[in-house]
C-alpha atoms as a PDB file:
ATOM      1  CA  UNK A   1       7.739   0.796  12.906  1.00  0.00           C
ATOM      2  CA  UNK A   2       7.695  -1.075  16.212  1.00  0.00           C
ATOM      3  CA  UNK A   3       9.973  -0.191  19.113  1.00  0.00           C
ATOM      4  CA  UNK A   4      11.681  -2.914  21.091  1.00  0.00           C
ATOM      5  CA  UNK A   5       9.249  -2.426  23.980  1.00  0.00           C
ATOM      6  CA  UNK A   6       6.184  -2.698  21.746  1.00  0.00           C
ATOM      7  CA  UNK A   7       7.719  -5.726  20.026  1.00  0.00           C
ATOM      8  CA  UNK A   8       8.100  -7.411  23.397  1.00  0.00           C
ATOM      9  CA  UNK A   9       4.528  -6.559  24.395  1.00  0.00           C
ATOM     10  CA  UNK A  10       3.213  -7.952  21.132  1.00  0.00           C
ATOM     11  CA  UNK A  11       5.229 -11.123  21.571  1.00  0.00           C
ATOM     12  CA  UNK A  12       3.715 -11.695  25.007  1.00  0.00           C
ATOM     13  CA  UNK A  13       0.217 -10.990  23.749  1.00  0.00           C
ATOM     14  CA  UNK A  14       0.674 -13.333  20.804  1.00  0.00           C
ATOM     15  CA  UNK A  15       1.882 -16.128  23.030  1.00  0.00           C
ATOM     16  CA  UNK A  16      -1.207 -15.702  25.209  1.00  0.00           C
ATOM     17  CA  UNK A  17      -3.608 -15.600  22.267  1.00  0.00           C
ATOM     18  CA  UNK A  18      -2.310 -18.338  20.020  1.00  0.00           C
ATOM     19  CA  UNK A  19      -4.081 -21.150  21.826  1.00  0.00           C
ATOM     20  CA  UNK A  20      -7.349 -19.259  22.144  1.00  0.00           C
ATOM     21  CA  UNK A  21      -7.305 -18.113  18.519  1.00  0.00           C
ATOM     22  CA  UNK A  22      -6.745 -21.364  16.653  1.00  0.00           C
ATOM     23  CA  UNK A  23      -8.144 -21.183  13.106  1.00  0.00           C
ATOM     24  CA  UNK A  24     -11.653 -22.517  12.716  1.00  0.00           C
ATOM     25  CA  UNK A  25     -12.926 -24.479   9.745  1.00  0.00           C
ATOM     26  CA  UNK A  26     -14.897 -22.336   7.301  1.00  0.00           C
ATOM     27  CA  UNK A  27     -16.627 -22.906   4.014  1.00  0.00           C
ATOM     28  CA  UNK A  28     -15.551 -21.544   0.637  1.00  0.00           C
ATOM     29  CA  UNK A  29     -14.889 -17.806   0.424  1.00  0.00           C
ATOM     30  CA  UNK A  30     -15.103 -15.786  -2.773  1.00  0.00           C
ATOM     31  CA  UNK A  31     -13.567 -12.337  -3.237  1.00  0.00           C
ATOM     32  CA  UNK A  32     -15.943 -10.573  -5.638  1.00  0.00           C
ATOM     33  CA  UNK A  33     -14.620  -8.840  -8.736  1.00  0.00           C
ATOM     34  CA  UNK A  34     -15.322  -5.225  -7.769  1.00  0.00           C
ATOM     35  CA  UNK A  35     -14.543  -2.485 -10.283  1.00  0.00           C
ATOM     36  CA  UNK A  36     -13.922   1.144  -9.379  1.00  0.00           C
ATOM     37  CA  UNK A  37     -15.160   3.659 -11.929  1.00  0.00           C
ATOM     38  CA  UNK A  38     -12.792   6.505 -12.789  1.00  0.00           C
ATOM     39  CA  UNK A  39     -14.630   8.631 -15.336  1.00  0.00           C
ATOM     40  CA  UNK A  40     -12.989  11.515 -17.110  1.00  0.00           C
ATOM     41  CA  UNK A  41      -9.347  10.469 -16.723  1.00  0.00           C
ATOM     42  CA  UNK A  42      -7.017  10.866 -19.719  1.00  0.00           C
ATOM     43  CA  UNK A  43      -6.278   7.609 -21.513  1.00  0.00           C
ATOM     44  CA  UNK A  44      -3.265   8.587 -23.615  1.00  0.00           C
ATOM     45  CA  UNK A  45      -1.071   9.801 -20.733  1.00  0.00           C
ATOM     46  CA  UNK A  46      -1.800   9.334 -17.040  1.00  0.00           C
ATOM     47  CA  UNK A  47       0.081  11.162 -14.255  1.00  0.00           C
ATOM     48  CA  UNK A  48      -0.218   9.444 -10.869  1.00  0.00           C
ATOM     49  CA  UNK A  49       0.823  10.558  -7.363  1.00  0.00           C
ATOM     50  CA  UNK A  50       1.888   7.631  -5.156  1.00  0.00           C
ATOM     51  CA  UNK A  51       1.973   8.087  -1.375  1.00  0.00           C
ATOM     52  CA  UNK A  52       1.950   5.744   1.588  1.00  0.00           C
ATOM     53  CA  UNK A  53       1.945   5.831   5.391  1.00  0.00           C
ATOM     54  CA  UNK A  54       0.752   9.413   5.151  1.00  0.00           C
ATOM     55  CA  UNK A  55      -1.944   9.626   7.813  1.00  0.00           C
ATOM     56  CA  UNK A  56       0.123  10.805  10.780  1.00  0.00           C
ATOM     57  CA  UNK A  57      -1.423  14.240  11.204  1.00  0.00           C
ATOM     58  CA  UNK A  58       2.075  15.657  11.655  1.00  0.00           C
ATOM     59  CA  UNK A  59       3.988  18.550  10.180  1.00  0.00           C
ATOM     60  CA  UNK A  60       5.712  16.029   7.899  1.00  0.00           C
ATOM     61  CA  UNK A  61       2.388  14.972   6.378  1.00  0.00           C
ATOM     62  CA  UNK A  62       1.384  18.587   5.793  1.00  0.00           C
ATOM     63  CA  UNK A  63       4.773  19.484   4.323  1.00  0.00           C
ATOM     64  CA  UNK A  64       4.718  16.565   1.880  1.00  0.00           C
ATOM     65  CA  UNK A  65       1.129  17.402   0.893  1.00  0.00           C
ATOM     66  CA  UNK A  66       2.196  20.990   0.160  1.00  0.00           C
ATOM     67  CA  UNK A  67       5.004  19.633  -2.020  1.00  0.00           C
ATOM     68  CA  UNK A  68       2.487  17.487  -3.880  1.00  0.00           C
ATOM     69  CA  UNK A  69       0.364  20.538  -4.597  1.00  0.00           C
ATOM     70  CA  UNK A  70       3.444  22.355  -5.894  1.00  0.00           C
ATOM     71  CA  UNK A  71       4.454  19.467  -8.156  1.00  0.00           C
ATOM     72  CA  UNK A  72       0.941  18.919  -9.468  1.00  0.00           C
ATOM     73  CA  UNK A  73       0.477  22.615 -10.232  1.00  0.00           C
ATOM     74  CA  UNK A  74       3.718  22.591 -12.201  1.00  0.00           C
ATOM     75  CA  UNK A  75       3.734  19.134 -13.822  1.00  0.00           C
ATOM     76  CA  UNK A  76       0.137  17.933 -13.659  1.00  0.00           C
ATOM     77  CA  UNK A  77      -1.528  15.093 -11.760  1.00  0.00           C
ATOM     78  CA  UNK A  78      -4.597  13.122 -12.804  1.00  0.00           C
ATOM     79  CA  UNK A  79      -4.906  10.449 -10.118  1.00  0.00           C
ATOM     80  CA  UNK A  80      -3.521   9.589  -6.700  1.00  0.00           C
ATOM     81  CA  UNK A  81      -2.718   6.344  -4.920  1.00  0.00           C
ATOM     82  CA  UNK A  82      -2.749   5.948  -1.114  1.00  0.00           C
ATOM     83  CA  UNK A  83      -0.944   2.764  -0.085  1.00  0.00           C
ATOM     84  CA  UNK A  84      -2.264   2.290   3.429  1.00  0.00           C
ATOM     85  CA  UNK A  85      -1.715   3.425   6.993  1.00  0.00           C
ATOM     86  CA  UNK A  86      -4.133   6.132   6.024  1.00  0.00           C
ATOM     87  CA  UNK A  87      -4.762   7.002   9.685  1.00  0.00           C
ATOM     88  CA  UNK A  88      -2.323   6.620  12.603  1.00  0.00           C
ATOM     89  CA  UNK A  89      -2.049   5.200  15.161  1.00  0.00           C
ATOM     90  CA  UNK A  90      -5.235   3.251  14.459  1.00  0.00           C
ATOM     91  CA  UNK A  91      -7.935   3.510  11.824  1.00  0.00           C
ATOM     92  CA  UNK A  92     -11.306   5.010  12.741  1.00  0.00           C
ATOM     93  CA  UNK A  93     -14.001   2.683  14.040  1.00  0.00           C
ATOM     94  CA  UNK A  94     -16.764   4.956  12.740  1.00  0.00           C
ATOM     95  CA  UNK A  95     -17.296   6.337   9.255  1.00  0.00           C
ATOM     96  CA  UNK A  96     -18.154   9.754  10.719  1.00  0.00           C
ATOM     97  CA  UNK A  97     -14.855  10.085  12.573  1.00  0.00           C
ATOM     98  CA  UNK A  98     -13.266  13.534  12.178  1.00  0.00           C
ATOM     99  CA  UNK A  99      -9.991  11.750  11.453  1.00  0.00           C
ATOM    100  CA  UNK A 100     -11.099  11.206   7.868  1.00  0.00           C
ATOM    101  CA  UNK A 101     -11.389  14.958   7.433  1.00  0.00           C
ATOM    102  CA  UNK A 102      -8.227  15.812   9.385  1.00  0.00           C
ATOM    103  CA  UNK A 103      -5.942  13.188   7.835  1.00  0.00           C
ATOM    104  CA  UNK A 104      -7.358  13.099   4.288  1.00  0.00           C
ATOM    105  CA  UNK A 105     -10.062  15.489   3.098  1.00  0.00           C
ATOM    106  CA  UNK A 106      -8.532  18.690   4.461  1.00  0.00           C
ATOM    107  CA  UNK A 107      -5.012  17.707   3.426  1.00  0.00           C
ATOM    108  CA  UNK A 108      -5.517  16.234  -0.045  1.00  0.00           C
ATOM    109  CA  UNK A 109      -8.860  17.701  -1.057  1.00  0.00           C
ATOM    110  CA  UNK A 110      -7.138  20.776  -2.559  1.00  0.00           C
ATOM    111  CA  UNK A 111      -5.373  18.520  -5.081  1.00  0.00           C
ATOM    112  CA  UNK A 112      -8.741  17.932  -6.729  1.00  0.00           C
ATOM    113  CA  UNK A 113      -7.937  14.388  -7.911  1.00  0.00           C
ATOM    114  CA  UNK A 114      -9.337  10.993  -6.873  1.00  0.00           C
ATOM    115  CA  UNK A 115      -7.159   8.632  -4.820  1.00  0.00           C
ATOM    116  CA  UNK A 116      -7.193   4.863  -5.122  1.00  0.00           C
ATOM    117  CA  UNK A 117      -6.901   3.726  -1.485  1.00  0.00           C
ATOM    118  CA  UNK A 118      -5.870   0.417   0.094  1.00  0.00           C
ATOM    119  CA  UNK A 119      -5.707  -0.327   3.844  1.00  0.00           C
ATOM    120  CA  UNK A 120      -2.598  -0.835   5.960  1.00  0.00           C
ATOM    121  CA  UNK A 121      -1.873  -2.516   9.263  1.00  0.00           C
ATOM    122  CA  UNK A 122      -2.551   0.671  11.277  1.00  0.00           C
ATOM    123  CA  UNK A 123      -5.939   1.008   9.591  1.00  0.00           C
ATOM    124  CA  UNK A 124      -6.803  -2.489  10.859  1.00  0.00           C
ATOM    125  CA  UNK A 125      -5.641  -2.110  14.466  1.00  0.00           C
ATOM    126  CA  UNK A 126      -7.172  -4.140  17.285  1.00  0.00           C
ATOM    127  CA  UNK A 127      -5.297  -4.147  20.625  1.00  0.00           C
ATOM    128  CA  UNK A 128      -2.126  -2.260  19.688  1.00  0.00           C
ATOM    129  CA  UNK A 129      -1.863   0.455  17.048  1.00  0.00           C
ATOM    130  CA  UNK A 130      -0.606  -1.213  13.870  1.00  0.00           C
ATOM    131  CA  UNK A 131      -1.231  -4.835  14.904  1.00  0.00           C
ATOM    132  CA  UNK A 132      -3.295  -5.387  11.726  1.00  0.00           C
ATOM    133  CA  UNK A 133      -5.584  -7.892  13.426  1.00  0.00           C
ATOM    134  CA  UNK A 134      -9.007  -6.248  13.001  1.00  0.00           C
ATOM    135  CA  UNK A 135     -10.176  -6.011   9.387  1.00  0.00           C
ATOM    136  CA  UNK A 136     -13.269  -4.102  10.490  1.00  0.00           C
ATOM    137  CA  UNK A 137     -11.084  -1.009  10.188  1.00  0.00           C
ATOM    138  CA  UNK A 138     -10.833  -1.643   6.445  1.00  0.00           C
ATOM    139  CA  UNK A 139     -14.607  -2.087   6.273  1.00  0.00           C
ATOM    140  CA  UNK A 140     -15.038   1.393   7.754  1.00  0.00           C
ATOM    141  CA  UNK A 141     -12.719   2.844   5.125  1.00  0.00           C
ATOM    142  CA  UNK A 142     -14.708   1.135   2.368  1.00  0.00           C
ATOM    143  CA  UNK A 143     -17.843   2.746   3.817  1.00  0.00           C
ATOM    144  CA  UNK A 144     -16.142   6.164   3.848  1.00  0.00           C
ATOM    145  CA  UNK A 145     -15.634   5.910   0.091  1.00  0.00           C
ATOM    146  CA  UNK A 146     -19.413   6.247  -0.241  1.00  0.00           C
ATOM    147  CA  UNK A 147     -19.256   9.615   1.554  1.00  0.00           C
ATOM    148  CA  UNK A 148     -16.224  11.127  -0.191  1.00  0.00           C
ATOM    149  CA  UNK A 149     -15.830  10.497  -3.924  1.00  0.00           C
ATOM    150  CA  UNK A 150     -12.171  11.530  -3.727  1.00  0.00           C
ATOM    151  CA  UNK A 151     -11.485   8.451  -1.548  1.00  0.00           C
ATOM    152  CA  UNK A 152     -11.853   5.524  -3.998  1.00  0.00           C
ATOM    153  CA  UNK A 153     -12.038   2.211  -2.132  1.00  0.00           C
ATOM    154  CA  UNK A 154     -15.156   0.302  -3.213  1.00  0.00           C
ATOM    155  CA  UNK A 155     -13.924  -2.910  -1.551  1.00  0.00           C
ATOM    156  CA  UNK A 156     -10.868  -4.217   0.253  1.00  0.00           C
ATOM    157  CA  UNK A 157      -9.830  -5.853  -3.031  1.00  0.00           C
ATOM    158  CA  UNK A 158     -10.798  -4.173  -6.293  1.00  0.00           C
ATOM    159  CA  UNK A 159      -9.641  -3.221  -9.763  1.00  0.00           C
ATOM    160  CA  UNK A 160      -9.679   0.204 -11.392  1.00  0.00           C
ATOM    161  CA  UNK A 161      -9.178   0.389 -15.170  1.00  0.00           C
ATOM    162  CA  UNK A 162      -8.319   3.603 -16.988  1.00  0.00           C
ATOM    163  CA  UNK A 163      -9.319   2.798 -20.540  1.00  0.00           C
ATOM    164  CA  UNK A 164      -6.895   0.460 -22.278  1.00  0.00           C
ATOM    165  CA  UNK A 165      -3.856   2.283 -20.895  1.00  0.00           C
ATOM    166  CA  UNK A 166      -3.562   1.000 -17.320  1.00  0.00           C
ATOM    167  CA  UNK A 167      -5.442  -1.073 -14.786  1.00  0.00           C
ATOM    168  CA  UNK A 168      -4.828  -0.889 -11.039  1.00  0.00           C
ATOM    169  CA  UNK A 169      -5.492  -3.817  -8.679  1.00  0.00           C
ATOM    170  CA  UNK A 170      -5.889  -2.978  -4.983  1.00  0.00           C
ATOM    171  CA  UNK A 171      -5.387  -5.689  -2.348  1.00  0.00           C
ATOM    172  CA  UNK A 172      -5.537  -5.888   1.436  1.00  0.00           C
ATOM    173  CA  UNK A 173      -2.273  -7.257   2.821  1.00  0.00           C
ATOM    174  CA  UNK A 174      -2.838  -6.358   6.485  1.00  0.00           C
ATOM    175  CA  UNK A 175      -4.387  -9.708   7.539  1.00  0.00           C
ATOM    176  CA  UNK A 176      -1.540 -11.540   5.799  1.00  0.00           C
ATOM    177  CA  UNK A 177       1.173 -10.083   8.054  1.00  0.00           C
ATOM    178  CA  UNK A 178      -0.709  -9.096  11.200  1.00  0.00           C
ATOM    179  CA  UNK A 179       1.301  -8.936  14.404  1.00  0.00           C
ATOM    180  CA  UNK A 180      -1.532 -10.642  16.314  1.00  0.00           C
ATOM    181  CA  UNK A 181      -3.822 -13.489  15.219  1.00  0.00           C
ATOM    182  CA  UNK A 182      -6.608 -11.884  13.202  1.00  0.00           C
ATOM    183  CA  UNK A 183     -10.090 -11.637  14.677  1.00  0.00           C
ATOM    184  CA  UNK A 184     -11.529 -13.286  11.553  1.00  0.00           C
ATOM    185  CA  UNK A 185     -10.004 -16.790  11.393  1.00  0.00           C
ATOM    186  CA  UNK A 186     -10.736 -17.224   7.660  1.00  0.00           C
ATOM    187  CA  UNK A 187      -8.596 -14.177   6.917  1.00  0.00           C
ATOM    188  CA  UNK A 188      -5.445 -15.359   8.628  1.00  0.00           C
ATOM    189  CA  UNK A 189      -2.509 -16.419   6.432  1.00  0.00           C
ATOM    190  CA  UNK A 190      -3.360 -19.596   4.556  1.00  0.00           C
ATOM    191  CA  UNK A 191      -7.074 -19.232   5.341  1.00  0.00           C
ATOM    192  CA  UNK A 192      -9.990 -19.272   2.946  1.00  0.00           C
ATOM    193  CA  UNK A 193     -10.027 -15.497   2.403  1.00  0.00           C
ATOM    194  CA  UNK A 194      -6.264 -15.391   1.808  1.00  0.00           C
ATOM    195  CA  UNK A 195      -6.605 -18.067  -0.873  1.00  0.00           C
ATOM    196  CA  UNK A 196      -9.619 -16.355  -2.400  1.00  0.00           C
ATOM    197  CA  UNK A 197      -7.934 -12.953  -2.640  1.00  0.00           C
ATOM    198  CA  UNK A 198      -4.881 -14.575  -4.238  1.00  0.00           C
ATOM    199  CA  UNK A 199      -7.064 -16.377  -6.779  1.00  0.00           C
ATOM    200  CA  UNK A 200      -8.952 -13.162  -7.567  1.00  0.00           C
ATOM    201  CA  UNK A 201      -5.759 -11.137  -8.017  1.00  0.00           C
ATOM    202  CA  UNK A 202      -4.060 -13.708 -10.229  1.00  0.00           C
ATOM    203  CA  UNK A 203      -7.129 -14.138 -12.402  1.00  0.00           C
ATOM    204  CA  UNK A 204      -7.902 -10.430 -12.686  1.00  0.00           C
ATOM    205  CA  UNK A 205      -4.344  -9.378 -13.546  1.00  0.00           C
ATOM    206  CA  UNK A 206      -3.846 -12.146 -16.080  1.00  0.00           C
ATOM    207  CA  UNK A 207      -7.196 -11.453 -17.736  1.00  0.00           C
ATOM    208  CA  UNK A 208      -6.614  -7.711 -17.991  1.00  0.00           C
ATOM    209  CA  UNK A 209      -6.277  -6.243 -21.456  1.00  0.00           C
ATOM    210  CA  UNK A 210      -4.667  -3.045 -20.204  1.00  0.00           C
ATOM    211  CA  UNK A 211      -1.330  -1.933 -21.550  1.00  0.00           C
ATOM    212  CA  UNK A 212       0.033  -1.594 -18.001  1.00  0.00           C
ATOM    213  CA  UNK A 213      -1.029  -3.618 -14.944  1.00  0.00           C
ATOM    214  CA  UNK A 214      -0.182  -2.187 -11.505  1.00  0.00           C
ATOM    215  CA  UNK A 215      -0.829  -3.855  -8.128  1.00  0.00           C
ATOM    216  CA  UNK A 216      -1.406  -1.738  -4.998  1.00  0.00           C
ATOM    217  CA  UNK A 217      -0.810  -3.212  -1.537  1.00  0.00           C
ATOM    218  CA  UNK A 218       0.467  -1.893   1.770  1.00  0.00           C
ATOM    219  CA  UNK A 219       3.216  -4.397   2.566  1.00  0.00           C
ATOM    220  CA  UNK A 220       6.249  -4.629   0.251  1.00  0.00           C
ATOM    221  CA  UNK A 221       7.559  -7.687  -1.517  1.00  0.00           C
ATOM    222  CA  UNK A 222      11.146  -6.402  -1.387  1.00  0.00           C
ATOM    223  CA  UNK A 223      12.680  -3.715   0.811  1.00  0.00           C
ATOM    224  CA  UNK A 224      16.024  -2.814   2.333  1.00  0.00           C
ATOM    225  CA  UNK A 225      14.187  -1.086   5.188  1.00  0.00           C
ATOM    226  CA  UNK A 226      13.925  -2.371   8.739  1.00  0.00           C
ATOM    227  CA  UNK A 227      10.805  -4.465   8.005  1.00  0.00           C
ATOM    228  CA  UNK A 228      12.694  -6.442   5.337  1.00  0.00           C
ATOM    229  CA  UNK A 229      11.313  -8.671   2.604  1.00  0.00           C
ATOM    230  CA  UNK A 230       7.976 -10.473   2.582  1.00  0.00           C
ATOM    231  CA  UNK A 231       8.401 -13.853   4.226  1.00  0.00           C
ATOM    232  CA  UNK A 232      10.952 -12.531   6.725  1.00  0.00           C
ATOM    233  CA  UNK A 233       9.349  -9.358   8.116  1.00  0.00           C
ATOM    234  CA  UNK A 234      10.858  -7.871  11.268  1.00  0.00           C
ATOM    235  CA  UNK A 235      12.489 -11.130  12.389  1.00  0.00           C
ATOM    236  CA  UNK A 236       9.264 -11.982  14.208  1.00  0.00           C
ATOM    237  CA  UNK A 237       9.146 -15.419  15.880  1.00  0.00           C
ATOM    238  CA  UNK A 238       5.779 -16.604  14.552  1.00  0.00           C
ATOM    239  CA  UNK A 239       5.317 -17.594  10.942  1.00  0.00           C
ATOM    240  CA  UNK A 240       2.005 -15.817  10.459  1.00  0.00           C
ATOM    241  CA  UNK A 241       3.678 -12.478  11.321  1.00  0.00           C
ATOM    242  CA  UNK A 242       6.455 -12.783   8.764  1.00  0.00           C
ATOM    243  CA  UNK A 243       4.510 -12.081   5.586  1.00  0.00           C
ATOM    244  CA  UNK A 244       4.871 -15.365   3.746  1.00  0.00           C
ATOM    245  CA  UNK A 245       1.267 -14.950   2.605  1.00  0.00           C
ATOM    246  CA  UNK A 246       2.133 -11.474   1.259  1.00  0.00           C
ATOM    247  CA  UNK A 247       5.006 -13.026  -0.692  1.00  0.00           C
ATOM    248  CA  UNK A 248       2.647 -15.661  -2.096  1.00  0.00           C
ATOM    249  CA  UNK A 249       0.005 -13.068  -3.018  1.00  0.00           C
ATOM    250  CA  UNK A 250       2.441 -10.976  -5.028  1.00  0.00           C
ATOM    251  CA  UNK A 251       4.149 -14.087  -6.349  1.00  0.00           C
ATOM    252  CA  UNK A 252       0.888 -15.118  -8.012  1.00  0.00           C
ATOM    253  CA  UNK A 253       1.251 -12.207 -10.459  1.00  0.00           C
ATOM    254  CA  UNK A 254       5.031 -12.058 -10.955  1.00  0.00           C
ATOM    255  CA  UNK A 255       5.624 -11.653 -14.666  1.00  0.00           C
ATOM    256  CA  UNK A 256       1.976 -10.734 -15.279  1.00  0.00           C
ATOM    257  CA  UNK A 257       1.938  -7.436 -13.366  1.00  0.00           C
ATOM    258  CA  UNK A 258       4.258  -4.691 -14.571  1.00  0.00           C
ATOM    259  CA  UNK A 259       4.707  -2.944 -11.209  1.00  0.00           C
ATOM    260  CA  UNK A 260       3.939  -3.658  -7.532  1.00  0.00           C
ATOM    261  CA  UNK A 261       3.460  -0.511  -5.430  1.00  0.00           C
ATOM    262  CA  UNK A 262       3.578  -0.640  -1.632  1.00  0.00           C
ATOM    263  CA  UNK A 263       4.286   1.346   1.520  1.00  0.00           C
ATOM    264  CA  UNK A 264       4.873   0.121   5.119  1.00  0.00           C
ATOM    265  CA  UNK A 265       8.575   1.018   4.965  1.00  0.00           C
ATOM    266  CA  UNK A 266       8.987   4.758   5.590  1.00  0.00           C
ATOM    267  CA  UNK A 267      11.297   5.326   2.651  1.00  0.00           C
ATOM    268  CA  UNK A 268      11.323   5.507  -1.150  1.00  0.00           C
ATOM    269  CA  UNK A 269      12.688   2.477  -3.012  1.00  0.00           C
ATOM    270  CA  UNK A 270      12.508   1.131  -6.561  1.00  0.00           C
ATOM    271  CA  UNK A 271      13.685  -2.329  -7.624  1.00  0.00           C
ATOM    272  CA  UNK A 272      14.107  -3.711 -11.119  1.00  0.00           C
ATOM    273  CA  UNK A 273      12.724  -7.244 -11.599  1.00  0.00           C
ATOM    274  CA  UNK A 274      14.387  -9.618  -9.137  1.00  0.00           C
ATOM    275  CA  UNK A 275      15.181 -13.336  -9.511  1.00  0.00           C
ATOM    276  CA  UNK A 276      12.376 -14.133  -7.035  1.00  0.00           C
ATOM    277  CA  UNK A 277       9.861 -12.146  -9.138  1.00  0.00           C
ATOM    278  CA  UNK A 278      11.078 -11.930 -12.746  1.00  0.00           C
ATOM    279  CA  UNK A 279       9.370  -9.578 -15.153  1.00  0.00           C
ATOM    280  CA  UNK A 280       7.851  -7.299 -12.502  1.00  0.00           C
ATOM    281  CA  UNK A 281       9.215  -4.042 -11.051  1.00  0.00           C
ATOM    282  CA  UNK A 282       8.536  -3.174  -7.410  1.00  0.00           C
ATOM    283  CA  UNK A 283       8.451   0.195  -5.666  1.00  0.00           C
ATOM    284  CA  UNK A 284       7.986   1.408  -2.093  1.00  0.00           C
ATOM    285  CA  UNK A 285       6.481   4.821  -1.319  1.00  0.00           C
ATOM    286  CA  UNK A 286       5.952   5.008   2.431  1.00  0.00           C
ATOM    287  CA  UNK A 287       7.460   8.366   3.369  1.00  0.00           C
ATOM    288  CA  UNK A 288       4.510  10.742   2.998  1.00  0.00           C
ATOM    289  CA  UNK A 289       3.876  11.155   6.730  1.00  0.00           C
ATOM    290  CA  UNK A 290       6.837   9.795   8.618  1.00  0.00           C
ATOM    291  CA  UNK A 291      10.405   8.737   7.876  1.00  0.00           C
ATOM    292  CA  UNK A 292      12.338   5.745   9.137  1.00  0.00           C
ATOM    293  CA  UNK A 293      15.976   5.096   9.783  1.00  0.00           C
ATOM    294  CA  UNK A 294      18.858   3.885   7.669  1.00  0.00           C
ATOM    295  CA  UNK A 295      18.586   0.891   5.342  1.00  0.00           C
ATOM    296  CA  UNK A 296      19.027  -2.510   6.944  1.00  0.00           C
ATOM    297  CA  UNK A 297      19.283  -4.646   3.793  1.00  0.00           C
ATOM    298  CA  UNK A 298      21.617  -4.718   0.807  1.00  0.00           C
ATOM    299  CA  UNK A 299      19.468  -5.717  -2.176  1.00  0.00           C
ATOM    300  CA  UNK A 300      20.546  -3.767  -5.270  1.00  0.00           C
ATOM    301  CA  UNK A 301      18.017  -0.983  -5.920  1.00  0.00           C
ATOM    302  CA  UNK A 302      17.393   1.185  -8.960  1.00  0.00           C
ATOM    303  CA  UNK A 303      16.669   4.027  -6.524  1.00  0.00           C
ATOM    304  CA  UNK A 304      16.520   4.523  -2.770  1.00  0.00           C
ATOM    305  CA  UNK A 305      16.001   7.454  -0.400  1.00  0.00           C
ATOM    306  CA  UNK A 306      15.985   6.833   3.358  1.00  0.00           C
ATOM    307  CA  UNK A 307      15.557   9.379   6.120  1.00  0.00           C
ATOM    308  CA  UNK A 308      13.743  11.850   3.873  1.00  0.00           C
ATOM    309  CA  UNK A 309       9.992  12.405   3.519  1.00  0.00           C
ATOM    310  CA  UNK A 310       8.579  12.280   0.029  1.00  0.00           C
ATOM    311  CA  UNK A 311       6.484  10.510  -2.593  1.00  0.00           C
ATOM    312  CA  UNK A 312       6.617   8.992  -6.063  1.00  0.00           C
ATOM    313  CA  UNK A 313       4.949  10.125  -9.266  1.00  0.00           C
ATOM    314  CA  UNK A 314       4.248   7.940 -12.303  1.00  0.00           C
ATOM    315  CA  UNK A 315       4.022   9.247 -15.853  1.00  0.00           C
ATOM    316  CA  UNK A 316       2.329   6.525 -17.889  1.00  0.00           C
ATOM    317  CA  UNK A 317       2.040   6.404 -21.678  1.00  0.00           C
ATOM    318  CA  UNK A 318       1.557   3.396 -23.973  1.00  0.00           C
ATOM    319  CA  UNK A 319       5.299   3.302 -24.662  1.00  0.00           C
ATOM    320  CA  UNK A 320       6.782   3.786 -21.178  1.00  0.00           C
ATOM    321  CA  UNK A 321       6.208   4.248 -17.462  1.00  0.00           C
ATOM    322  CA  UNK A 322       8.502   6.768 -15.783  1.00  0.00           C
ATOM    323  CA  UNK A 323       8.881   6.765 -11.992  1.00  0.00           C
ATOM    324  CA  UNK A 324      10.071  10.028 -10.450  1.00  0.00           C
ATOM    325  CA  UNK A 325      10.940  10.303  -6.752  1.00  0.00           C
ATOM    326  CA  UNK A 326      10.388  13.577  -4.892  1.00  0.00           C
ATOM    327  CA  UNK A 327      12.037  14.231  -1.546  1.00  0.00           C
ATOM    328  CA  UNK A 328      11.014  17.163   0.644  1.00  0.00           C
ATOM    329  CA  UNK A 329      13.466  19.115   2.824  1.00  0.00           C
ATOM    330  CA  UNK A 330      12.640  20.665   6.202  1.00  0.00           C
ATOM    331  CA  UNK A 331      12.177  24.057   4.533  1.00  0.00           C
ATOM    332  CA  UNK A 332       9.752  22.580   1.991  1.00  0.00           C
ATOM    333  CA  UNK A 333      12.204  22.510  -0.923  1.00  0.00           C
ATOM    334  CA  UNK A 334      11.439  19.653  -3.316  1.00  0.00           C
ATOM    335  CA  UNK A 335      14.084  17.593  -5.101  1.00  0.00           C
ATOM    336  CA  UNK A 336      13.051  15.431  -8.072  1.00  0.00           C
ATOM    337  CA  UNK A 337      15.047  12.462  -9.312  1.00  0.00           C
ATOM    338  CA  UNK A 338      14.120   9.978 -12.019  1.00  0.00           C
ATOM    339  CA  UNK A 339      14.019   6.570 -10.352  1.00  0.00           C
ATOM    340  CA  UNK A 340      13.181   4.319 -13.293  1.00  0.00           C
ATOM    341  CA  UNK A 341      12.090   4.349 -16.923  1.00  0.00           C
ATOM    342  CA  UNK A 342      10.253   1.173 -17.879  1.00  0.00           C
ATOM    343  CA  UNK A 343       9.759   0.572 -21.590  1.00  0.00           C
ATOM    344  CA  UNK A 344       6.872  -1.359 -23.079  1.00  0.00           C
ATOM    345  CA  UNK A 345       7.776  -3.258 -26.249  1.00  0.00           C
END
């Protein structure tokens, strides 16, 4: 979350860069249909940890990870999801960076489950930590997946089926709401890559034969947190910063996807289908490494927890998807609350 000083610095930098960074004309861009293989996972009932904004290296990250180990030992976990901002304040520029070990392998390796990973704005930092303007950070994280099989990120956009039960669709939202003009002009909002990723996501989700279809992206569609809703993020002055392209990306699968999972807001939130996105639930799990302040919006939520670190867990069967929220106290005590129970007819 940006302070007022950093917001002012970014505004000045943006104003200076806008003229020099005008979008260039590029040819057609295709986002390939990359599939992640997840062998050996159960296909009758899948239990999924969902964390976001975890990579702070702080006591909060370690405390939430310990709570995850406790919950998984007691209730079982088969798969994890990491919703971006995997390394703060900025993603590694080299695949051999010790930050991958310190912020991921050492912390979550003991869980013994694979994690589907997507990048966040801090992972794609350029001039200021979290500006989201350098997608080379995501490329490094894709390369790291070839060194650590627990970190599953075969591409910036990919799908990961688990039999006929559920299929996950990972997307990269960082270029679509970057605070500075992206270094790759084709990847700026409305550019060729933005359109190609949207076309891939819409086609892949709608063609999926899975019982449940879940989309993973860092930025939320809806949130009562300080960042707000896609299309109006942070009250920034420039349109490309406000997340309209994120709104359009998710909007392409409203009614086709069952659940959108995101982070970015350092809270836990669950929303039933909204008028702007009928037929699709949305959830925010961005409190695994840092917590934010009080809610700033008033959209009716099925569940919300602000000011408390924690994570979500999904229990998926052919008949229903249950979302449970876990909050973690300063002494490590874990409180579980059912956030939603979604039935499949």
